[in-house]
Amino acid sequence: SQGVKVLFVPREEEMEEFTFQQTQAVRDAGIGAEIFLGNVKKQKQFKYVEDKNIAYLVEVGGNEKESGKFRLRNTKTRETQNDLTLKQIIELLSAS
């Protein structure tokens, strides 16, 4: 097991169910994924990914739900890839 590769973070409480669905789809593709619940500061999120050695972070809000496009952030390099579909994220994570 490679452990958790990506952390999904809902920006608002009303996005939690949608975010869980995205997290589950990534898990179903065989990629370790977690959801980070609770309204906490970004600094805590980054400390969590550092402590757990999680390589990627995806924040989920209303724009992402509406467009179906997400921003994938590499937690090590802080490099960001914008406007990715969940399918593209799964392909990228499967390859890395």
C-alpha atoms as a PDB file:
ATOM      1  CA  SER A   1       0.000   0.000   0.000  1.00  0.00           C
ATOM      2  CA  GLN A   2       1.321   3.377  -0.987  1.00  0.00           C
ATOM      3  CA  GLY A   3      -0.654   5.238   1.666  1.00  0.00           C
ATOM      4  CA  VAL A   4      -2.629   8.396   1.086  1.00  0.00           C
ATOM      5  CA  LYS A   5      -1.620  10.245  -2.064  1.00  0.00           C
ATOM      6  CA  VAL A   6      -4.224  13.024  -2.169  1.00  0.00           C
ATOM      7  CA  LEU A   7      -6.204  15.004   0.384  1.00  0.00           C
ATOM      8  CA  PHE A   8      -9.556  16.507  -0.591  1.00  0.00           C
ATOM      9  CA  VAL A   9     -10.628  19.585   1.372  1.00  0.00           C
ATOM     10  CA  PRO A  10     -14.159  20.988   1.139  1.00  0.00           C
ATOM     11  CA  ARG A  11     -14.073  24.801   1.371  1.00  0.00           C
ATOM     12  CA  GLU A  12     -17.552  25.007   2.886  1.00  0.00           C
ATOM     13  CA  GLU A  13     -19.594  22.613   5.001  1.00  0.00           C
ATOM     14  CA  GLU A  14     -22.216  22.305   2.254  1.00  0.00           C
ATOM     15  CA  MET A  15     -19.511  20.924  -0.071  1.00  0.00           C
ATOM     16  CA  GLU A  16     -18.686  17.964   2.210  1.00  0.00           C
ATOM     17  CA  GLU A  17     -21.023  15.451   0.522  1.00  0.00           C
ATOM     18  CA  PHE A  18     -19.832  16.385  -2.984  1.00  0.00           C
ATOM     19  CA  THR A  19     -16.202  16.273  -1.802  1.00  0.00           C
ATOM     20  CA  PHE A  20     -16.745  12.842  -0.275  1.00  0.00           C
ATOM     21  CA  GLN A  21     -18.091  11.611  -3.637  1.00  0.00           C
ATOM     22  CA  GLN A  22     -14.935  12.849  -5.397  1.00  0.00           C
ATOM     23  CA  THR A  23     -12.728  11.264  -2.737  1.00  0.00           C
ATOM     24  CA  GLN A  24     -14.561   7.957  -3.115  1.00  0.00           C
ATOM     25  CA  ALA A  25     -14.176   8.019  -6.914  1.00  0.00           C
ATOM     26  CA  VAL A  26     -10.402   8.408  -6.509  1.00  0.00           C
ATOM     27  CA  ARG A  27     -10.343   5.569  -3.970  1.00  0.00           C
ATOM     28  CA  ASP A  28     -12.371   3.408  -6.354  1.00  0.00           C
ATOM     29  CA  ALA A  29      -9.588   3.976  -8.914  1.00  0.00           C
ATOM     30  CA  GLY A  30      -7.140   2.415  -6.444  1.00  0.00           C
ATOM     31  CA  ILE A  31      -5.536   5.660  -5.252  1.00  0.00           C
ATOM     32  CA  GLY A  32      -5.185   6.421  -1.547  1.00  0.00           C
ATOM     33  CA  ALA A  33      -7.337   9.459  -0.772  1.00  0.00           C
ATOM     34  CA  GLU A  34      -8.615  11.168   2.360  1.00  0.00           C
ATOM     35  CA  ILE A  35     -11.088  13.936   3.058  1.00  0.00           C
ATOM     36  CA  PHE A  36     -10.226  16.686   5.557  1.00  0.00           C
ATOM     37  CA  LEU A  37     -13.361  17.833   7.360  1.00  0.00           C
ATOM     38  CA  GLY A  38     -13.800  20.826   9.596  1.00  0.00           C
ATOM     39  CA  ASN A  39     -13.435  24.528   9.047  1.00  0.00           C
ATOM     40  CA  VAL A  40      -9.752  25.031   9.801  1.00  0.00           C
ATOM     41  CA  LYS A  41      -7.067  27.359   8.545  1.00  0.00           C
ATOM     42  CA  LYS A  42      -5.004  26.439   5.494  1.00  0.00           C
ATOM     43  CA  GLN A  43      -1.921  26.317   7.706  1.00  0.00           C
ATOM     44  CA  LYS A  44      -3.438  23.368   9.612  1.00  0.00           C
ATOM     45  CA  GLN A  45      -4.263  21.618   6.340  1.00  0.00           C
ATOM     46  CA  PHE A  46      -0.671  21.996   5.137  1.00  0.00           C
ATOM     47  CA  LYS A  47       0.707  20.781   8.463  1.00  0.00           C
ATOM     48  CA  TYR A  48      -1.592  17.737   8.183  1.00  0.00           C
ATOM     49  CA  VAL A  49      -0.360  16.878   4.669  1.00  0.00           C
ATOM     50  CA  GLU A  50       3.262  17.357   5.751  1.00  0.00           C
ATOM     51  CA  ASP A  51       2.821  15.200   8.870  1.00  0.00           C
ATOM     52  CA  LYS A  52       1.115  12.433   6.865  1.00  0.00           C
ATOM     53  CA  ASN A  53       3.419  12.855   3.833  1.00  0.00           C
ATOM     54  CA  ILE A  54       0.494  13.396   1.435  1.00  0.00           C
ATOM     55  CA  ALA A  55       1.731  14.510  -1.981  1.00  0.00           C
ATOM     56  CA  TYR A  56      -1.347  16.328  -3.330  1.00  0.00           C
ATOM     57  CA  LEU A  57      -4.163  18.562  -2.160  1.00  0.00           C
ATOM     58  CA  VAL A  58      -7.481  19.338  -3.876  1.00  0.00           C
ATOM     59  CA  GLU A  59      -9.750  22.038  -2.462  1.00  0.00           C
ATOM     60  CA  VAL A  60     -13.411  21.709  -3.371  1.00  0.00           C
ATOM     61  CA  GLY A  61     -15.942  24.526  -3.445  1.00  0.00           C
ATOM     62  CA  GLY A  62     -18.975  25.660  -5.372  1.00  0.00           C
ATOM     63  CA  ASN A  63     -16.969  26.604  -8.479  1.00  0.00           C
ATOM     64  CA  GLU A  64     -15.490  23.110  -8.669  1.00  0.00           C
ATOM     65  CA  LYS A  65     -18.877  21.481  -8.217  1.00  0.00           C
ATOM     66  CA  GLU A  66     -20.394  23.685 -10.922  1.00  0.00           C
ATOM     67  CA  SER A  67     -17.576  23.373 -13.467  1.00  0.00           C
ATOM     68  CA  GLY A  68     -16.371  19.833 -12.720  1.00  0.00           C
ATOM     69  CA  LYS A  69     -12.819  21.237 -12.855  1.00  0.00           C
ATOM     70  CA  PHE A  70     -10.395  21.079  -9.958  1.00  0.00           C
ATOM     71  CA  ARG A  71      -7.017  22.489  -8.947  1.00  0.00           C
ATOM     72  CA  LEU A  72      -4.405  19.884  -7.992  1.00  0.00           C
ATOM     73  CA  ARG A  73      -1.639  21.233  -5.771  1.00  0.00           C
ATOM     74  CA  ASN A  74       1.630  19.401  -5.231  1.00  0.00           C
ATOM     75  CA  THR A  75       2.243  19.818  -1.503  1.00  0.00           C
ATOM     76  CA  LYS A  76       6.001  19.374  -1.848  1.00  0.00           C
ATOM     77  CA  THR A  77       6.713  21.860  -4.659  1.00  0.00           C
ATOM     78  CA  ARG A  78       3.553  24.002  -4.206  1.00  0.00           C
ATOM     79  CA  GLU A  79       3.122  23.639  -7.975  1.00  0.00           C
ATOM     80  CA  THR A  80      -0.517  23.875  -9.047  1.00  0.00           C
ATOM     81  CA  GLN A  81      -2.328  22.432 -12.039  1.00  0.00           C
ATOM     82  CA  ASN A  82      -5.632  24.142 -12.773  1.00  0.00           C
ATOM     83  CA  ASP A  83      -8.832  23.146 -14.558  1.00  0.00           C
ATOM     84  CA  LEU A  84      -8.412  19.378 -14.268  1.00  0.00           C
ATOM     85  CA  THR A  85     -11.341  17.001 -14.409  1.00  0.00           C
ATOM     86  CA  LEU A  86     -11.489  14.269 -11.802  1.00  0.00           C
ATOM     87  CA  LYS A  87     -10.610  11.780 -14.551  1.00  0.00           C
ATOM     88  CA  GLN A  88      -7.455  13.777 -15.361  1.00  0.00           C
ATOM     89  CA  ILE A  89      -6.521  13.916 -11.675  1.00  0.00           C
ATOM     90  CA  ILE A  90      -6.931  10.143 -11.391  1.00  0.00           C
ATOM     91  CA  GLU A  91      -4.742   9.652 -14.491  1.00  0.00           C
ATOM     92  CA  LEU A  92      -2.038  11.959 -13.120  1.00  0.00           C
ATOM     93  CA  LEU A  93      -2.057  10.323  -9.698  1.00  0.00           C
ATOM     94  CA  SER A  94      -2.002   6.829 -11.219  1.00  0.00           C
ATOM     95  CA  ALA A  95       1.079   7.747 -13.240  1.00  0.00           C
ATOM     96  CA  SER A  96       3.010   9.334 -10.350  1.00  0.00           C
END
